[in-house]
Amino acid sequence: MYNKKTPEKLLEFILQKALKEGYDVVDIEIKGSRNFFMEIVLDKKNGITIEECGNFNKKIISWADKNNIFSRSYTIDVCSPGIDRELKSDSAFLWGRGKRVEIRLREPVDGKNVIEGTLVKKNDDGDIIVEIGGNEICIREENVNKTKLKPKI
C-alpha cells in the first residue's frame, strides 16, 4: 500500500503517530524525482479537519528534521482523502461498502468506460462487486483502472 521509496524510519513514525492520534493512514504517495515530495492522506471516523492535517504535518516535518531523515530538499503534504476518495487498499474497500462509487475501466464493459453503482464488496480474487439498478455485477480486477467514491451533490 505504501510507496517503497518512503524511508522506513519515517514510515514507522507516521504510522505510530497516526495511530496514537486516532487517524487512519489512507495512503502515502511519493512524487517527483529531483526533490522529494510526500503526500500523506489521513482520515478518521467523522472526517479530518484542515487544522488536524496541518498539525500532523508540522509534527512529521519537525521529527524528520530532528532525525536528519532527508539529505536533500523535501516537501511533505498532509491532506484528507476528500469527498471523492480513491479506494486502493482492502481496508478502503471494506470502509467503502454501501457507498456510491465510480469505477474507471481499462476496457469497456457493455460499451461503458466508467461504471457507477453501490459498492457491495471486493471479493477474495480482487474483483469488485457493485450494485446497479438492483443487479450485482462483477468487474474483474485486471480491468479496473481506478475506483473512487462518487458522492451525491
Protein backbone atom coordinates (compact mmCIF):
# COMPACT_ATOMS: atom_id res chain seq x y z
CA MET A 1 0.00 0.00 0.00
CA TYR A 2 2.72 2.49 0.89
CA ASN A 3 5.39 3.62 -1.52
CA LYS A 4 8.62 1.65 -1.23
CA LYS A 5 10.62 4.90 -1.55
CA THR A 6 9.36 6.05 1.87
CA PRO A 7 12.26 5.99 4.35
CA GLU A 8 11.48 3.13 6.73
CA LYS A 9 12.05 5.11 9.95
CA LEU A 10 9.77 7.87 8.68
CA LEU A 11 7.02 5.43 7.68
CA GLU A 12 7.20 3.79 11.10
CA PHE A 13 6.95 7.18 12.83
CA ILE A 14 4.00 8.29 10.65
CA LEU A 15 2.05 5.07 11.30
CA GLN A 16 2.71 5.16 15.07
CA LYS A 17 1.86 8.87 15.34
CA ALA A 18 -1.35 8.46 13.33
CA LEU A 19 -2.46 5.51 15.45
CA LYS A 20 -1.73 7.43 18.66
CA GLU A 21 -3.77 10.42 17.46
CA GLY A 22 -6.69 8.31 16.21
CA TYR A 23 -6.11 8.77 12.48
CA ASP A 24 -6.21 6.23 9.68
CA VAL A 25 -3.39 6.48 7.14
CA VAL A 26 -5.30 6.12 3.88
CA ASP A 27 -2.30 6.47 1.58
CA ILE A 28 1.27 7.65 1.36
CA GLU A 29 2.49 8.65 -2.05
CA ILE A 30 5.92 9.78 -3.20
CA LYS A 31 6.15 12.07 -6.20
CA GLY A 32 8.91 13.85 -8.05
CA SER A 33 12.40 12.81 -9.00
CA ARG A 34 14.58 15.82 -8.21
CA ASN A 35 13.00 16.88 -4.95
CA PHE A 36 11.36 14.50 -2.54
CA PHE A 37 7.59 15.13 -2.31
CA MET A 38 5.48 13.03 0.03
CA GLU A 39 1.71 13.20 0.30
CA ILE A 40 0.18 11.64 3.41
CA VAL A 41 -3.58 11.11 3.26
CA LEU A 42 -5.27 10.86 6.66
CA ASP A 43 -8.83 10.27 7.78
CA LYS A 44 -10.77 9.41 10.91
CA LYS A 45 -14.25 8.19 11.72
CA ASN A 46 -16.11 11.50 11.40
CA GLY A 47 -13.69 13.11 8.96
CA ILE A 48 -10.49 15.04 9.48
CA THR A 49 -10.13 18.82 9.59
CA ILE A 50 -7.66 21.09 7.83
CA GLU A 51 -6.25 22.06 11.24
CA GLU A 52 -5.63 18.42 12.16
CA CYS A 53 -3.83 17.86 8.85
CA GLY A 54 -1.71 20.97 9.42
CA ASN A 55 -0.78 19.97 12.97
CA PHE A 56 0.13 16.44 11.87
CA ASN A 57 2.23 17.89 9.04
CA LYS A 58 4.20 20.08 11.49
CA LYS A 59 4.88 17.10 13.77
CA ILE A 60 6.14 14.94 10.87
CA ILE A 61 8.39 17.68 9.47
CA SER A 62 9.77 18.52 12.91
CA TRP A 63 10.59 14.86 13.58
CA ALA A 64 12.12 14.37 10.12
CA ASP A 65 14.35 17.44 10.55
CA LYS A 66 15.37 16.46 14.08
CA ASN A 67 16.30 12.94 12.91
CA ASN A 68 18.05 14.03 9.67
CA ILE A 69 15.83 11.81 7.53
CA PHE A 70 16.49 13.70 4.30
CA SER A 71 19.79 14.70 2.72
CA ARG A 72 18.08 16.84 0.04
CA SER A 73 15.18 19.27 -0.14
CA TYR A 74 11.79 17.79 0.52
CA THR A 75 8.11 18.62 0.87
CA ILE A 76 5.58 16.78 2.99
CA ASP A 77 1.88 17.46 2.50
CA VAL A 78 -0.79 16.03 4.79
CA CYS A 79 -4.35 16.08 3.48
CA SER A 80 -7.75 14.44 3.75
CA PRO A 81 -8.94 11.91 1.19
CA GLY A 82 -11.66 14.31 0.02
CA ILE A 83 -15.25 13.54 -0.85
CA ASP A 84 -14.20 11.68 -4.00
CA ARG A 85 -11.72 9.49 -2.13
CA GLU A 86 -9.92 6.89 -4.23
CA LEU A 87 -10.22 3.35 -2.91
CA LYS A 88 -6.92 1.48 -3.16
CA SER A 89 -6.41 -0.85 -0.22
CA ASP A 90 -8.54 -3.74 1.02
CA SER A 91 -9.37 -1.72 4.15
CA ALA A 92 -10.53 1.21 1.98
CA PHE A 93 -12.83 -1.11 0.03
CA LEU A 94 -14.18 -2.53 3.28
CA TRP A 95 -14.77 1.03 4.54
CA GLY A 96 -16.49 1.94 1.25
CA ARG A 97 -19.08 -0.86 1.28
CA GLY A 98 -22.56 0.51 0.69
CA LYS A 99 -21.26 3.78 -0.74
CA ARG A 100 -21.65 5.03 -4.32
CA VAL A 101 -18.54 4.51 -6.41
CA GLU A 102 -17.25 5.33 -9.86
CA ILE A 103 -15.06 2.68 -11.47
CA ARG A 104 -12.86 3.70 -14.40
CA LEU A 105 -12.18 0.74 -16.66
CA ARG A 106 -9.23 -0.21 -18.84
CA GLU A 107 -11.57 -1.92 -21.36
CA PRO A 108 -15.27 -1.06 -21.84
CA VAL A 109 -17.98 -3.20 -20.25
CA ASP A 110 -21.32 -3.08 -22.08
CA GLY A 111 -19.88 -0.17 -24.09
CA LYS A 112 -19.03 1.88 -20.99
CA ASN A 113 -15.59 3.05 -19.83
CA VAL A 114 -16.99 4.19 -16.48
CA ILE A 115 -19.35 2.24 -14.22
CA GLU A 116 -21.25 3.88 -11.35
CA GLY A 117 -23.05 1.96 -8.65
CA THR A 118 -23.14 0.98 -4.99
CA LEU A 119 -20.09 -0.89 -3.76
CA VAL A 120 -21.08 -4.32 -2.48
CA LYS A 121 -17.59 -5.70 -1.85
CA LYS A 122 -14.19 -6.54 -3.21
CA ASN A 123 -14.00 -10.34 -3.34
CA ASP A 124 -11.06 -12.60 -2.47
CA ASP A 125 -9.89 -12.53 -6.11
CA GLY A 126 -9.73 -8.72 -6.03
CA ASP A 127 -12.75 -8.31 -8.29
CA ILE A 128 -15.19 -5.52 -7.44
CA ILE A 129 -18.88 -6.27 -7.00
CA VAL A 130 -21.23 -3.31 -7.49
CA GLU A 131 -25.00 -3.00 -7.48
CA ILE A 132 -26.53 -1.12 -10.37
CA GLY A 133 -30.32 -0.83 -10.58
CA GLY A 134 -30.89 -3.77 -8.26
CA ASN A 135 -28.47 -6.08 -10.13
CA GLU A 136 -25.00 -7.03 -8.94
CA ILE A 137 -22.19 -7.05 -11.46
CA CYS A 138 -18.62 -8.25 -11.08
CA ILE A 139 -15.79 -6.21 -12.53
CA ARG A 140 -12.55 -8.14 -12.93
CA GLU A 141 -9.61 -6.66 -11.02
CA GLU A 142 -7.39 -6.52 -14.12
CA ASN A 143 -9.97 -4.31 -15.88
CA VAL A 144 -10.10 -1.71 -13.08
CA ASN A 145 -8.05 1.42 -13.62
CA LYS A 146 -9.36 3.43 -10.66
CA THR A 147 -12.16 3.23 -8.11
CA LYS A 148 -13.29 6.29 -6.19
CA LEU A 149 -16.28 7.49 -4.22
CA LYS A 150 -19.00 9.19 -6.24
CA PRO A 151 -20.84 11.37 -3.72
CA LYS A 152 -24.29 12.75 -4.44
CA ILE A 153 -24.04 16.50 -4.70
